[in-house]
Amino acid sequence: MSKIKIVFFLILGFVFYKGYVAFTNFEIGVSDRVTELEEKADFERQGDVIALMMYLGDPPELTEHLLVKNESKCLEMKQIAEETSFAYYECAIVDANLKGGKITSINQELKVLQ
């Protein structure tokens, strides 16, 4: 009888584990799908993102900006751009308006990344 109870508890534990994994994967999948739908619908939103910004002129004036996924990618792109151009580049966390996965305007520069 005790072997049956042990097998029952193992099966019950496995069912709870699979339920937990399915629930957490569902939550992650929903947030990804919401982001994807917002981009497809050209829904404009505001948020803090990492941007690679290009400044030209004297005094420097912002002429271009690019949405970047993470800090290391931004710094890598900045280094390559500075080697091939005479413009001043800066990686920063900015408060920006986003539409379709692109920055439409920058409201405020929050922190410059080094």
N, C-alpha and C. Protein backbone atom coordinates (compact mmCIF):
# COMPACT_ATOMS: atom_id res chain seq x y z
N MET A 1 0.82 -1.20 0.00
CA MET A 1 0.00 0.00 0.00
C MET A 1 0.86 1.26 0.00
N SER A 2 1.98 1.23 0.67
CA SER A 2 2.82 2.43 0.75
C SER A 2 3.46 2.74 -0.60
N LYS A 3 3.75 1.72 -1.43
CA LYS A 3 4.31 1.95 -2.75
C LYS A 3 3.30 2.68 -3.64
N ILE A 4 2.05 2.34 -3.50
CA ILE A 4 0.99 2.99 -4.27
C ILE A 4 0.89 4.46 -3.86
N LYS A 5 0.99 4.75 -2.56
CA LYS A 5 0.93 6.14 -2.09
C LYS A 5 2.12 6.94 -2.62
N ILE A 6 3.30 6.37 -2.62
CA ILE A 6 4.49 7.06 -3.11
C ILE A 6 4.33 7.38 -4.59
N VAL A 7 3.87 6.41 -5.38
CA VAL A 7 3.65 6.62 -6.80
C VAL A 7 2.58 7.70 -7.02
N PHE A 8 1.51 7.65 -6.23
CA PHE A 8 0.45 8.64 -6.32
C PHE A 8 0.99 10.05 -6.04
N PHE A 9 1.78 10.22 -4.98
CA PHE A 9 2.34 11.53 -4.65
C PHE A 9 3.34 12.01 -5.71
N LEU A 10 4.11 11.10 -6.28
CA LEU A 10 5.01 11.47 -7.36
C LEU A 10 4.23 11.97 -8.59
N ILE A 11 3.18 11.26 -8.94
CA ILE A 11 2.35 11.68 -10.07
C ILE A 11 1.67 13.01 -9.77
N LEU A 12 1.18 13.17 -8.56
CA LEU A 12 0.53 14.42 -8.16
C LEU A 12 1.53 15.58 -8.21
N GLY A 13 2.74 15.37 -7.72
CA GLY A 13 3.78 16.40 -7.77
C GLY A 13 4.13 16.76 -9.20
N PHE A 14 4.21 15.75 -10.06
CA PHE A 14 4.51 15.99 -11.48
C PHE A 14 3.41 16.82 -12.14
N VAL A 15 2.16 16.53 -11.83
CA VAL A 15 1.03 17.28 -12.39
C VAL A 15 1.08 18.74 -11.94
N PHE A 16 1.36 18.98 -10.66
CA PHE A 16 1.48 20.36 -10.17
C PHE A 16 2.64 21.08 -10.85
N TYR A 17 3.75 20.40 -11.01
CA TYR A 17 4.91 21.00 -11.68
C TYR A 17 4.57 21.38 -13.12
N LYS A 18 3.96 20.47 -13.87
CA LYS A 18 3.59 20.75 -15.26
C LYS A 18 2.58 21.90 -15.34
N GLY A 19 1.66 21.96 -14.40
CA GLY A 19 0.70 23.06 -14.36
C GLY A 19 1.39 24.39 -14.11
N TYR A 20 2.34 24.43 -13.20
CA TYR A 20 3.09 25.65 -12.90
C TYR A 20 3.89 26.11 -14.12
N VAL A 21 4.57 25.19 -14.77
CA VAL A 21 5.36 25.53 -15.96
C VAL A 21 4.45 26.05 -17.07
N ALA A 22 3.31 25.41 -17.28
CA ALA A 22 2.39 25.86 -18.33
C ALA A 22 1.86 27.25 -18.01
N PHE A 23 1.57 27.52 -16.76
CA PHE A 23 1.04 28.83 -16.36
C PHE A 23 2.08 29.92 -16.55
N THR A 24 3.32 29.69 -16.14
CA THR A 24 4.36 30.72 -16.30
C THR A 24 4.69 30.94 -17.77
N ASN A 25 4.75 29.89 -18.57
CA ASN A 25 5.01 30.05 -20.01
C ASN A 25 3.87 30.81 -20.69
N PHE A 26 2.65 30.59 -20.23
CA PHE A 26 1.50 31.31 -20.78
C PHE A 26 1.63 32.80 -20.51
N GLU A 27 2.02 33.18 -19.29
CA GLU A 27 2.18 34.59 -18.94
C GLU A 27 3.26 35.24 -19.80
N ILE A 28 4.37 34.58 -19.99
CA ILE A 28 5.46 35.12 -20.80
C ILE A 28 5.00 35.25 -22.25
N GLY A 29 4.32 34.25 -22.75
CA GLY A 29 3.85 34.28 -24.12
C GLY A 29 2.84 35.38 -24.38
N VAL A 30 1.99 35.66 -23.40
CA VAL A 30 0.99 36.71 -23.56
C VAL A 30 1.65 38.08 -23.68
N SER A 31 2.64 38.36 -22.84
CA SER A 31 3.30 39.66 -22.90
C SER A 31 4.03 39.84 -24.23
N ASP A 32 4.64 38.77 -24.73
CA ASP A 32 5.30 38.85 -26.03
C ASP A 32 4.30 39.11 -27.15
N ARG A 33 3.16 38.46 -27.07
CA ARG A 33 2.14 38.65 -28.10
C ARG A 33 1.54 40.05 -28.05
N VAL A 34 1.37 40.60 -26.85
CA VAL A 34 0.84 41.95 -26.72
C VAL A 34 1.79 42.95 -27.37
N THR A 35 3.09 42.80 -27.11
CA THR A 35 4.09 43.68 -27.72
C THR A 35 4.07 43.56 -29.23
N GLU A 36 3.96 42.34 -29.72
CA GLU A 36 3.92 42.10 -31.16
C GLU A 36 2.69 42.74 -31.80
N LEU A 37 1.54 42.62 -31.15
CA LEU A 37 0.31 43.22 -31.68
C LEU A 37 0.38 44.74 -31.66
N GLU A 38 0.99 45.33 -30.62
CA GLU A 38 1.14 46.78 -30.56
C GLU A 38 2.00 47.27 -31.72
N GLU A 39 3.06 46.54 -32.03
CA GLU A 39 3.93 46.94 -33.14
C GLU A 39 3.21 46.83 -34.47
N LYS A 40 2.43 45.77 -34.67
CA LYS A 40 1.72 45.59 -35.93
C LYS A 40 0.61 46.62 -36.11
N ALA A 41 -0.02 47.02 -35.01
CA ALA A 41 -1.14 47.95 -35.08
C ALA A 41 -0.68 49.40 -35.14
N ASP A 42 0.64 49.63 -35.14
CA ASP A 42 1.18 50.98 -35.11
C ASP A 42 0.63 51.78 -33.94
N PHE A 43 0.53 51.11 -32.80
CA PHE A 43 0.07 51.74 -31.58
C PHE A 43 1.22 52.55 -30.99
N GLU A 44 1.00 53.84 -30.75
CA GLU A 44 2.06 54.68 -30.20
C GLU A 44 2.02 54.61 -28.69
N ARG A 45 3.21 54.41 -28.10
CA ARG A 45 3.31 54.34 -26.65
C ARG A 45 4.55 55.11 -26.21
N GLN A 46 4.62 55.37 -24.92
CA GLN A 46 5.75 56.09 -24.36
C GLN A 46 6.44 55.19 -23.35
N GLY A 47 7.78 55.20 -23.34
CA GLY A 47 8.51 54.37 -22.40
C GLY A 47 9.99 54.68 -22.36
N ASP A 48 10.65 54.09 -21.38
CA ASP A 48 12.10 54.24 -21.24
C ASP A 48 12.79 53.15 -22.04
N VAL A 49 13.66 53.53 -22.96
CA VAL A 49 14.36 52.59 -23.83
C VAL A 49 15.82 53.01 -23.96
N ILE A 50 16.63 52.11 -24.51
CA ILE A 50 18.03 52.41 -24.80
C ILE A 50 18.10 52.86 -26.26
N ALA A 51 18.79 53.99 -26.47
CA ALA A 51 18.88 54.54 -27.82
C ALA A 51 20.32 54.90 -28.16
N LEU A 52 20.68 54.70 -29.41
CA LEU A 52 21.94 55.18 -29.96
C LEU A 52 21.61 56.46 -30.70
N MET A 53 22.23 57.56 -30.27
CA MET A 53 21.90 58.86 -30.85
C MET A 53 23.12 59.46 -31.54
N MET A 54 22.88 60.12 -32.68
CA MET A 54 23.95 60.75 -33.45
C MET A 54 23.77 62.26 -33.42
N TYR A 55 24.85 62.95 -33.07
CA TYR A 55 24.83 64.41 -33.01
C TYR A 55 25.77 64.96 -34.09
N LEU A 56 25.32 66.00 -34.78
CA LEU A 56 26.12 66.68 -35.80
C LEU A 56 26.11 68.18 -35.55
N GLY A 57 27.14 68.85 -36.03
CA GLY A 57 27.18 70.30 -35.99
C GLY A 57 27.94 70.84 -34.80
N ASP A 58 28.02 72.19 -34.79
CA ASP A 58 28.67 72.88 -33.68
C ASP A 58 27.80 74.06 -33.30
N PRO A 59 27.05 74.04 -32.24
CA PRO A 59 27.02 73.03 -31.18
C PRO A 59 26.32 71.76 -31.66
N PRO A 60 26.66 70.63 -31.04
CA PRO A 60 26.06 69.35 -31.48
C PRO A 60 24.54 69.36 -31.37
N GLU A 61 23.92 68.89 -32.44
CA GLU A 61 22.46 68.83 -32.50
C GLU A 61 22.03 67.41 -32.87
N LEU A 62 21.06 66.88 -32.17
CA LEU A 62 20.58 65.51 -32.41
C LEU A 62 19.97 65.43 -33.80
N THR A 63 20.52 64.52 -34.63
CA THR A 63 20.00 64.36 -35.98
C THR A 63 19.38 62.99 -36.22
N GLU A 64 19.89 61.95 -35.56
CA GLU A 64 19.38 60.59 -35.75
C GLU A 64 19.31 59.88 -34.41
N HIS A 65 18.40 58.92 -34.31
CA HIS A 65 18.31 58.07 -33.12
C HIS A 65 17.83 56.69 -33.53
N LEU A 66 18.30 55.68 -32.80
CA LEU A 66 18.00 54.29 -33.14
C LEU A 66 17.69 53.52 -31.87
N LEU A 67 16.59 52.79 -31.87
CA LEU A 67 16.21 51.94 -30.74
C LEU A 67 17.11 50.71 -30.71
N VAL A 68 17.69 50.40 -29.53
CA VAL A 68 18.60 49.27 -29.37
C VAL A 68 18.07 48.39 -28.24
N LYS A 69 18.24 47.07 -28.40
CA LYS A 69 17.69 46.13 -27.42
C LYS A 69 18.39 46.15 -26.07
N ASN A 70 19.73 46.25 -26.05
CA ASN A 70 20.44 46.21 -24.78
C ASN A 70 21.66 47.11 -24.80
N GLU A 71 22.22 47.32 -23.61
CA GLU A 71 23.33 48.25 -23.43
C GLU A 71 24.59 47.81 -24.18
N SER A 72 24.92 46.53 -24.10
CA SER A 72 26.15 46.05 -24.73
C SER A 72 26.08 46.20 -26.26
N LYS A 73 24.92 45.93 -26.85
CA LYS A 73 24.75 46.09 -28.30
C LYS A 73 24.88 47.56 -28.69
N CYS A 74 24.35 48.45 -27.88
CA CYS A 74 24.43 49.87 -28.15
C CYS A 74 25.88 50.36 -28.13
N LEU A 75 26.61 49.95 -27.10
CA LEU A 75 28.00 50.37 -26.99
C LEU A 75 28.86 49.81 -28.12
N GLU A 76 28.55 48.59 -28.55
CA GLU A 76 29.26 47.99 -29.69
C GLU A 76 28.98 48.78 -30.98
N MET A 77 27.72 49.11 -31.20
CA MET A 77 27.35 49.88 -32.39
C MET A 77 27.96 51.28 -32.35
N LYS A 78 28.02 51.88 -31.17
CA LYS A 78 28.61 53.21 -31.01
C LYS A 78 30.09 53.19 -31.41
N GLN A 79 30.80 52.18 -30.95
CA GLN A 79 32.23 52.08 -31.26
C GLN A 79 32.46 51.95 -32.76
N ILE A 80 31.67 51.12 -33.41
CA ILE A 80 31.80 50.94 -34.86
C ILE A 80 31.47 52.25 -35.59
N ALA A 81 30.42 52.93 -35.16
CA ALA A 81 30.01 54.17 -35.81
C ALA A 81 31.06 55.26 -35.65
N GLU A 82 31.66 55.36 -34.47
CA GLU A 82 32.68 56.39 -34.25
C GLU A 82 33.94 56.14 -35.07
N GLU A 83 34.24 54.88 -35.35
CA GLU A 83 35.41 54.55 -36.17
C GLU A 83 35.20 54.89 -37.63
N THR A 84 33.95 54.91 -38.09
CA THR A 84 33.68 55.12 -39.51
C THR A 84 33.04 56.47 -39.82
N SER A 85 32.89 57.35 -38.81
CA SER A 85 32.20 58.61 -39.02
C SER A 85 32.82 59.71 -38.16
N PHE A 86 32.58 60.95 -38.56
CA PHE A 86 33.07 62.09 -37.79
C PHE A 86 32.02 62.65 -36.84
N ALA A 87 30.85 62.05 -36.79
CA ALA A 87 29.78 62.52 -35.91
C ALA A 87 30.05 62.08 -34.47
N TYR A 88 29.34 62.71 -33.53
CA TYR A 88 29.43 62.33 -32.12
C TYR A 88 28.26 61.40 -31.82
N TYR A 89 28.56 60.25 -31.24
CA TYR A 89 27.53 59.26 -30.91
C TYR A 89 27.43 59.09 -29.40
N GLU A 90 26.21 58.75 -28.95
CA GLU A 90 25.98 58.59 -27.52
C GLU A 90 24.94 57.50 -27.31
N CYS A 91 25.21 56.61 -26.35
CA CYS A 91 24.22 55.62 -25.92
C CYS A 91 23.57 56.15 -24.66
N ALA A 92 22.25 56.11 -24.59
CA ALA A 92 21.58 56.66 -23.42
C ALA A 92 20.24 55.95 -23.21
N ILE A 93 19.81 56.00 -21.97
CA ILE A 93 18.45 55.58 -21.64
C ILE A 93 17.60 56.83 -21.77
N VAL A 94 16.58 56.76 -22.61
CA VAL A 94 15.76 57.93 -22.89
C VAL A 94 14.28 57.62 -22.70
N ASP A 95 13.53 58.66 -22.41
CA ASP A 95 12.07 58.58 -22.38
C ASP A 95 11.62 58.97 -23.78
N ALA A 96 11.03 58.02 -24.50
CA ALA A 96 10.72 58.26 -25.92
C ALA A 96 9.33 57.79 -26.28
N ASN A 97 8.82 58.34 -27.38
CA ASN A 97 7.58 57.85 -27.98
C ASN A 97 7.96 56.80 -29.00
N LEU A 98 7.30 55.63 -28.92
CA LEU A 98 7.61 54.50 -29.79
C LEU A 98 6.40 54.16 -30.64
N LYS A 99 6.67 53.81 -31.89
CA LYS A 99 5.60 53.39 -32.79
C LYS A 99 6.16 52.36 -33.75
N GLY A 100 5.61 51.18 -33.74
CA GLY A 100 6.04 50.14 -34.65
C GLY A 100 7.47 49.68 -34.41
N GLY A 101 7.93 49.68 -33.18
CA GLY A 101 9.28 49.23 -32.86
C GLY A 101 10.36 50.25 -33.18
N LYS A 102 9.96 51.52 -33.42
CA LYS A 102 10.92 52.57 -33.73
C LYS A 102 10.64 53.78 -32.85
N ILE A 103 11.68 54.58 -32.62
CA ILE A 103 11.54 55.80 -31.85
C ILE A 103 11.03 56.90 -32.77
N THR A 104 9.89 57.51 -32.41
CA THR A 104 9.37 58.62 -33.21
C THR A 104 9.87 59.96 -32.68
N SER A 105 10.00 60.07 -31.36
CA SER A 105 10.55 61.30 -30.79
C SER A 105 11.11 61.00 -29.40
N ILE A 106 12.10 61.79 -29.01
CA ILE A 106 12.71 61.64 -27.70
C ILE A 106 12.23 62.79 -26.82
N ASN A 107 11.63 62.42 -25.69
CA ASN A 107 11.10 63.43 -24.77
C ASN A 107 12.16 63.94 -23.81
N GLN A 108 12.96 63.00 -23.27
CA GLN A 108 13.95 63.37 -22.27
C GLN A 108 15.06 62.34 -22.24
N GLU A 109 16.29 62.80 -22.08
CA GLU A 109 17.44 61.91 -21.92
C GLU A 109 17.61 61.66 -20.41
N LEU A 110 17.51 60.40 -20.00
CA LEU A 110 17.53 60.08 -18.57
C LEU A 110 18.92 59.77 -18.05
N LYS A 111 19.69 58.95 -18.78
CA LYS A 111 21.00 58.53 -18.31
C LYS A 111 21.89 58.18 -19.49
N VAL A 112 23.11 58.72 -19.49
CA VAL A 112 24.07 58.39 -20.54
C VAL A 112 24.83 57.14 -20.12
N LEU A 113 24.95 56.19 -21.04
CA LEU A 113 25.65 54.93 -20.77
C LEU A 113 27.10 55.04 -21.20
N GLN A 114 27.99 54.51 -20.41
CA GLN A 114 29.43 54.58 -20.70
C GLN A 114 29.95 53.22 -21.12
